[in-house]
Protein backbone atom coordinates (compact mmCIF):
# COMPACT_ATOMS: atom_id res chain seq x y z
CA UNK A 1 0.00 0.00 0.00
CA UNK A 2 2.79 2.42 0.84
CA UNK A 3 4.48 1.80 -2.52
CA UNK A 4 1.22 2.51 -4.34
CA UNK A 5 0.80 5.82 -2.47
CA UNK A 6 4.38 6.80 -3.23
CA UNK A 7 3.79 6.06 -6.92
CA UNK A 8 0.57 8.14 -6.96
CA UNK A 9 2.34 11.03 -5.21
CA UNK A 10 5.20 10.93 -7.70
CA UNK A 11 2.72 10.91 -10.59
CA UNK A 12 0.89 13.91 -9.10
CA UNK A 13 4.15 15.81 -8.77
CA UNK A 14 5.09 15.05 -12.38
CA UNK A 15 1.64 16.10 -13.58
CA UNK A 16 1.86 19.32 -11.58
CA UNK A 17 5.24 20.12 -13.06
CA UNK A 18 3.82 19.49 -16.53
CA UNK A 19 0.95 21.89 -15.89
CA UNK A 20 3.32 24.58 -14.62
CA UNK A 21 5.51 24.14 -17.68
CA UNK A 22 2.52 24.46 -19.99
CA UNK A 23 1.36 27.57 -18.12
CA UNK A 24 4.80 29.09 -18.53
CA UNK A 25 4.79 28.35 -22.25
CA UNK A 26 1.32 29.86 -22.52
CA UNK A 27 2.50 33.07 -20.85
CA UNK A 28 5.48 33.25 -23.20
CA UNK A 29 3.25 32.65 -26.22
CA UNK A 30 0.82 35.34 -25.08
CA UNK A 31 3.65 37.77 -24.44
CA UNK A 32 5.06 37.25 -27.94
CA UNK A 33 1.64 37.84 -29.52
CA UNK A 34 1.03 40.99 -27.47
CA UNK A 35 4.45 42.30 -28.45
CA UNK A 36 3.85 41.65 -32.15
CA UNK A 37 0.41 43.29 -32.05
CA UNK A 38 1.86 46.25 -30.16
CA UNK A 39 4.60 46.70 -32.77
CA UNK A 40 2.07 46.60 -35.61
CA UNK A 41 -0.18 49.14 -33.89
CA UNK A 42 2.81 51.36 -33.22
CA UNK A 43 3.88 51.28 -36.86
CA UNK A 44 0.33 52.08 -38.02
CA UNK A 45 0.01 54.92 -35.51
CA UNK A 46 3.41 56.34 -36.48
CA UNK A 47 2.52 56.16 -40.17
CA UNK A 48 -0.86 57.85 -39.67
CA UNK A 49 0.65 60.54 -37.44
CA UNK A 50 3.42 61.36 -39.91
CA UNK A 51 0.96 61.37 -42.84
CA UNK A 52 -1.35 63.82 -41.07
CA UNK A 53 1.60 65.94 -39.93
CA UNK A 54 2.75 66.32 -43.53
CA UNK A 55 -0.78 66.78 -44.91
CA UNK A 56 -1.99 69.54 -42.58
CA UNK A 57 0.28 72.23 -44.18
CA UNK A 58 -1.00 71.05 -47.57
CA UNK A 59 -4.63 71.52 -46.54
CA UNK A 60 -3.78 74.95 -45.13
CA UNK A 61 -2.06 75.96 -48.35
CA UNK A 62 -4.88 74.76 -50.58
CA UNK A 63 -7.58 76.07 -48.27
CA UNK A 64 -11.11 75.82 -49.57
CA UNK A 65 -9.58 75.57 -53.02
CA UNK A 66 -9.08 71.87 -52.33
CA UNK A 67 -12.78 71.53 -53.23
CA UNK A 68 -12.23 73.30 -56.56
CA UNK A 69 -12.51 71.83 -60.04
CA UNK A 70 -9.12 72.82 -61.44
CA UNK A 71 -5.98 70.84 -60.68
CA UNK A 72 -2.62 72.11 -61.90
CA UNK A 73 0.15 71.28 -59.46
CA UNK A 74 2.80 73.27 -61.29
CA UNK A 75 0.60 76.39 -61.44
CA UNK A 76 -0.57 76.31 -57.84
CA UNK A 77 -4.15 75.21 -58.56
CA UNK A 78 -5.12 72.48 -56.13
CA UNK A 79 -8.75 71.65 -56.85
CA UNK A 80 -8.99 67.94 -56.02
CA UNK A 81 -12.60 67.26 -57.04
CA UNK A 82 -11.71 66.07 -60.57
CA UNK A 83 -9.22 63.64 -59.04
CA UNK A 84 -11.77 62.32 -56.54
CA UNK A 85 -14.33 62.00 -59.35
CA UNK A 86 -11.83 60.22 -61.59
CA UNK A 87 -10.98 57.80 -58.78
CA UNK A 88 -14.63 56.96 -58.11
CA UNK A 89 -15.67 56.74 -61.78
CA UNK A 90 -12.83 54.48 -62.89
CA UNK A 91 -13.32 52.22 -59.88
CA UNK A 92 -17.10 52.00 -60.41
CA UNK A 93 -16.74 51.20 -64.11
CA UNK A 94 -14.06 48.59 -63.40
CA UNK A 95 -16.26 46.92 -60.77
CA UNK A 96 -19.24 47.01 -63.13
CA UNK A 97 -17.29 44.74 -65.47
CA UNK A 98 -15.11 42.73 -63.09
CA UNK A 99 -17.66 41.71 -60.42
CA UNK A 100 -20.20 39.82 -62.59
CA UNK A 101 -17.46 38.32 -64.77
CA UNK A 102 -15.40 37.32 -61.73
CA UNK A 103 -18.32 35.74 -59.88
CA UNK A 104 -19.44 33.97 -63.06
CA UNK A 105 -15.92 32.65 -63.61
CA UNK A 106 -15.78 31.40 -60.02
CA UNK A 107 -19.11 29.59 -60.42
CA UNK A 108 -17.90 28.04 -63.68
CA UNK A 109 -14.67 26.82 -62.06
CA UNK A 110 -16.54 25.16 -59.19
CA UNK A 111 -19.61 23.77 -60.97
CA UNK A 112 -18.88 23.64 -64.69
CA UNK A 113 -15.20 23.03 -65.43
CA UNK A 114 -14.20 19.34 -65.17
CA UNK A 115 -12.15 18.43 -62.12
CA UNK A 116 -8.97 17.71 -64.09
CA UNK A 117 -9.00 21.22 -65.64
CA UNK A 118 -9.90 23.27 -62.55
CA UNK A 119 -6.35 23.76 -61.35
CA UNK A 120 -5.23 24.94 -64.78
CA UNK A 121 -8.12 27.41 -65.16
CA UNK A 122 -7.69 28.74 -61.61
CA UNK A 123 -3.94 29.16 -62.04
CA UNK A 124 -4.44 30.96 -65.35
CA UNK A 125 -6.85 33.47 -63.78
CA UNK A 126 -4.66 34.00 -60.73
CA UNK A 127 -1.66 34.56 -62.99
CA UNK A 128 -3.22 37.89 -63.97
CA UNK A 129 -2.66 39.11 -60.41
CA UNK A 130 1.11 38.51 -60.73
CA UNK A 131 1.49 40.77 -63.77
CA UNK A 132 3.11 44.12 -62.79
CA UNK A 133 0.88 47.13 -63.21
CA UNK A 134 3.30 48.85 -65.57
CA UNK A 135 2.91 45.89 -67.94
CA UNK A 136 -0.85 46.43 -67.92
CA UNK A 137 -0.23 50.09 -68.65
CA UNK A 138 2.02 49.38 -71.63
CA UNK A 139 -0.39 46.74 -72.95
CA UNK A 140 -3.28 49.18 -72.65
CA UNK A 141 -1.46 51.92 -74.53
CA UNK A 142 -0.07 49.73 -77.30
CA UNK A 143 -2.98 47.31 -77.79
CA UNK A 144 -6.26 48.38 -76.20
CA UNK A 145 -5.97 52.02 -77.25
CA UNK A 146 -5.70 51.03 -80.91
CA UNK A 147 -8.71 48.69 -80.62
CA UNK A 148 -10.83 51.33 -78.91
CA UNK A 149 -9.94 54.07 -81.39
CA UNK A 150 -10.37 51.94 -84.54
CA UNK A 151 -13.19 49.59 -83.56
CA UNK A 152 -15.09 50.27 -80.33
CA UNK A 153 -15.31 54.07 -80.33
CA UNK A 154 -16.53 54.54 -83.96
CA UNK A 155 -19.08 51.74 -83.61
CA UNK A 156 -20.45 53.01 -80.29
CA UNK A 157 -20.79 56.52 -81.64
CA UNK A 158 -22.59 55.16 -84.70
CA UNK A 159 -24.97 52.96 -82.71
CA UNK A 160 -25.82 55.63 -80.13
CA UNK A 161 -25.74 58.55 -82.62
CA UNK A 162 -23.13 60.38 -80.61
CA UNK A 163 -25.30 60.75 -77.51
CA UNK A 164 -24.02 60.65 -73.94
CA UNK A 165 -21.87 58.95 -72.72
CA UNK A 166 -20.41 58.26 -76.18
CA UNK A 167 -20.35 61.90 -77.25
CA UNK A 168 -17.32 64.05 -78.01
CA UNK A 169 -14.04 63.18 -79.63
CA UNK A 170 -11.74 60.26 -78.93
CA UNK A 171 -8.57 61.45 -77.22
CA UNK A 172 -6.78 58.10 -77.18
CA UNK A 173 -6.10 57.72 -73.50
CA UNK A 174 -8.98 58.29 -71.12
CA UNK A 175 -11.54 57.02 -68.63
CA UNK A 176 -12.77 54.16 -70.84
CA UNK A 177 -9.30 52.78 -71.52
CA UNK A 178 -8.25 53.03 -67.87
CA UNK A 179 -11.45 51.42 -66.59
CA UNK A 180 -11.20 48.44 -68.95
CA UNK A 181 -7.59 47.72 -68.01
CA UNK A 182 -8.35 48.27 -64.32
CA UNK A 183 -11.20 45.76 -64.53
CA UNK A 184 -8.81 43.14 -65.90
CA UNK A 185 -6.39 43.91 -63.08
CA UNK A 186 -8.93 43.35 -60.29
CA UNK A 187 -10.65 40.40 -61.99
CA UNK A 188 -8.38 37.73 -60.42
CA UNK A 189 -9.09 39.08 -56.91
CA UNK A 190 -12.85 38.76 -57.34
CA UNK A 191 -12.51 35.36 -59.01
CA UNK A 192 -10.05 33.78 -56.57
CA UNK A 193 -11.81 34.86 -53.37
CA UNK A 194 -15.28 34.08 -54.73
CA UNK A 195 -14.13 30.66 -55.94
CA UNK A 196 -12.82 29.72 -52.48
CA UNK A 197 -16.02 30.92 -50.82
CA UNK A 198 -18.29 29.13 -53.29
CA UNK A 199 -16.28 25.92 -53.02
CA UNK A 200 -16.76 25.98 -49.23
CA UNK A 201 -20.57 25.75 -49.50
CA UNK A 202 -21.56 22.38 -47.96
CA UNK A 203 -22.49 19.79 -50.55
CA UNK A 204 -25.44 18.74 -48.40
CA UNK A 205 -27.15 22.05 -49.22
CA UNK A 206 -26.68 21.81 -52.97
CA UNK A 207 -27.43 18.09 -53.18
CA UNK A 208 -30.49 18.52 -50.99
CA UNK A 209 -31.84 21.26 -53.24
CA UNK A 210 -31.19 19.14 -56.35
CA UNK A 211 -32.93 16.17 -54.77
CA UNK A 212 -36.00 18.34 -54.20
CA UNK A 213 -36.21 19.04 -57.93
CA UNK A 214 -34.42 22.38 -58.20
CA UNK A 215 -32.45 23.05 -61.34
CA UNK A 216 -28.76 23.90 -61.22
CA UNK A 217 -29.44 27.57 -61.92
CA UNK A 218 -32.01 27.66 -59.10
CA UNK A 219 -29.51 26.06 -56.74
CA UNK A 220 -26.93 28.70 -57.61
CA UNK A 221 -29.36 31.61 -57.27
CA UNK A 222 -31.27 30.48 -54.19
CA UNK A 223 -28.75 28.37 -52.27
CA UNK A 224 -25.14 28.99 -53.26
CA UNK A 225 -25.07 32.77 -53.70
CA UNK A 226 -27.12 33.58 -50.56
CA UNK A 227 -24.97 31.22 -48.50
CA UNK A 228 -21.67 32.76 -49.57
CA UNK A 229 -22.91 36.35 -49.81
CA UNK A 230 -20.62 37.56 -47.03
CA UNK A 231 -17.55 36.15 -48.72
CA UNK A 232 -18.48 37.68 -52.06
CA UNK A 233 -18.93 41.07 -50.37
CA UNK A 234 -15.46 40.63 -48.93
CA UNK A 235 -14.08 39.85 -52.39
CA UNK A 236 -15.69 42.96 -53.86
CA UNK A 237 -14.34 45.05 -50.97
CA UNK A 238 -10.80 43.79 -51.58
CA UNK A 239 -11.13 44.46 -55.31
CA UNK A 240 -12.46 47.96 -54.62
CA UNK A 241 -9.51 48.78 -52.39
CA UNK A 242 -7.15 47.50 -55.07
CA UNK A 243 -8.85 49.60 -57.74
CA UNK A 244 -8.90 52.77 -55.64
CA UNK A 245 -5.18 52.52 -54.94
CA UNK A 246 -3.94 51.58 -58.42
CA UNK A 247 -1.29 54.04 -59.54
CA UNK A 248 1.16 53.32 -62.35
CA UNK A 249 -1.21 51.75 -64.87
CA UNK A 250 -3.77 54.53 -64.53
CA UNK A 251 -1.09 57.21 -64.65
CA UNK A 252 -0.18 55.73 -68.04
CA UNK A 253 -3.70 55.26 -69.38
CA UNK A 254 -5.95 58.12 -68.24
CA UNK A 255 -4.22 60.97 -70.02
CA UNK A 256 -4.28 63.51 -67.18
CA UNK A 257 -6.77 66.11 -65.97
CA UNK A 258 -7.92 68.46 -68.73
CA UNK A 259 -11.53 69.12 -67.69
CA UNK A 260 -12.82 72.05 -65.68
CA UNK A 261 -15.78 70.17 -64.25
CA UNK A 262 -15.62 67.73 -61.35
CA UNK A 263 -17.22 64.81 -63.23
CA UNK A 264 -16.21 63.50 -66.68
CA UNK A 265 -18.76 64.63 -69.26
CA UNK A 266 -18.32 61.52 -71.42
CA UNK A 267 -16.92 58.01 -71.23
CA UNK A 268 -13.95 58.72 -73.49
CA UNK A 269 -12.82 61.88 -71.70
CA UNK A 270 -9.35 62.10 -70.21
CA UNK A 271 -8.90 62.27 -66.46
CA UNK A 272 -6.82 61.21 -63.52
CA UNK A 273 -7.10 59.69 -60.06
CA UNK A 274 -5.72 60.63 -56.67
CA UNK A 275 -3.03 57.97 -56.64
CA UNK A 276 -2.09 58.47 -60.29
CA UNK A 277 -1.75 62.22 -59.84
CA UNK A 278 0.49 61.75 -56.81
CA UNK A 279 2.78 59.55 -58.91
CA UNK A 280 2.76 62.04 -61.80
CA UNK A 281 3.42 65.15 -59.72
CA UNK A 282 6.02 63.62 -57.41
CA UNK A 283 8.53 64.15 -60.21
CA UNK A 284 7.69 67.87 -60.32
CA UNK A 285 7.99 68.42 -56.60
CA UNK A 286 11.14 70.59 -56.87
CA UNK A 287 10.14 74.15 -56.04
CA UNK A 288 6.51 73.11 -55.41
CA UNK A 289 4.73 72.44 -52.09
CA UNK A 290 4.86 68.67 -51.73
CA UNK A 291 2.57 68.81 -48.70
CA UNK A 292 -0.38 69.13 -51.09
CA UNK A 293 0.38 65.63 -52.33
CA UNK A 294 0.20 64.40 -48.74
CA UNK A 295 -3.23 66.04 -48.57
CA UNK A 296 -4.28 64.00 -51.61
CA UNK A 297 -2.95 60.89 -49.89
CA UNK A 298 -5.10 61.59 -46.82
CA UNK A 299 -8.19 62.05 -48.99
CA UNK A 300 -7.44 58.73 -50.71
CA UNK A 301 -6.95 56.97 -47.37
CA UNK A 302 -10.30 58.32 -46.15
CA UNK A 303 -12.06 56.99 -49.26
CA UNK A 304 -10.42 53.56 -48.99
CA UNK A 305 -11.13 53.40 -45.26
CA UNK A 306 -14.76 54.32 -45.84
CA UNK A 307 -15.19 51.62 -48.47
CA UNK A 308 -13.57 49.02 -46.22
CA UNK A 309 -15.74 50.02 -43.26
CA UNK A 310 -18.88 49.88 -45.40
CA UNK A 311 -17.96 46.37 -46.53
CA UNK A 312 -17.51 45.26 -42.93
CA UNK A 313 -20.86 46.77 -41.95
CA UNK A 314 -22.61 44.92 -44.78
CA UNK A 315 -21.02 41.62 -43.75
CA UNK A 316 -21.83 42.15 -40.07
CA UNK A 317 -25.46 43.03 -40.77
CA UNK A 318 -25.81 39.96 -42.98
CA UNK A 319 -24.35 37.75 -40.25
CA UNK A 320 -26.79 39.15 -37.68
CA UNK A 321 -29.68 38.58 -40.06
CA UNK A 322 -28.89 34.86 -40.42
CA UNK A 323 -28.15 34.26 -36.74
């Protein structure tokens, strides 16, 4: 009996030491995570503080003129409304093309393409995301611009009799060219994220709907898409942030601000975006107030932050609705 008690006591001591060791490891693990999170928050706070510090003199210099309709950095005209309008218009047009095509491609990969070809099709679409933006810009100027000027623009003007938004003259580079190329750039984001979300829908739901007599299109519309709505909203939000922040390709394709009105008066008008104009004018910063460009950066960050927050609100409301 005494030997049994000694054995039990020794086992209890060993178990206690094991629990203390695990608790110590847990404290170390938690400390490392807290440190990493603290460093990230510190970097973000330092970045935001320095950005605002540099932007405040720019806002003071521009004054209420920042809400004007004329932007000429070299001539001291800092009306940012055409840049904000160009950013929103190009992003909206790109999403108008990329979102339905991307979601349709994702549905085709999951439900239509044979299993042995899915990896190849998915890899081909995702390869578009690895292409540098300057390559898209060069391709747009050398290939898409010629197609638009020789084929698309004359035909659209003929079909619509020169009415809005196909009125005016073709300037080569412009909103239409930039939006088309931008849509191709964000297409792999929408497709890849939507594909993963759609593929995660439980087969019991789709097979149950099919067994009840629903067609494949009804299953997609009434089962698959409502189930993965939150993920698709997330994909669109990511694509929107990517489109809002695109710089080099749009600086190459849009042609620059030439209008005196905040909104483009036609689809083929030239324009610019906040990020593209920062890239263009950063080379002319000698002898000019560079703080104004920081002001443009703050405006762009506010727009991107607002879009991201709106996407999170939509997802959260949808989650509460289905709880």
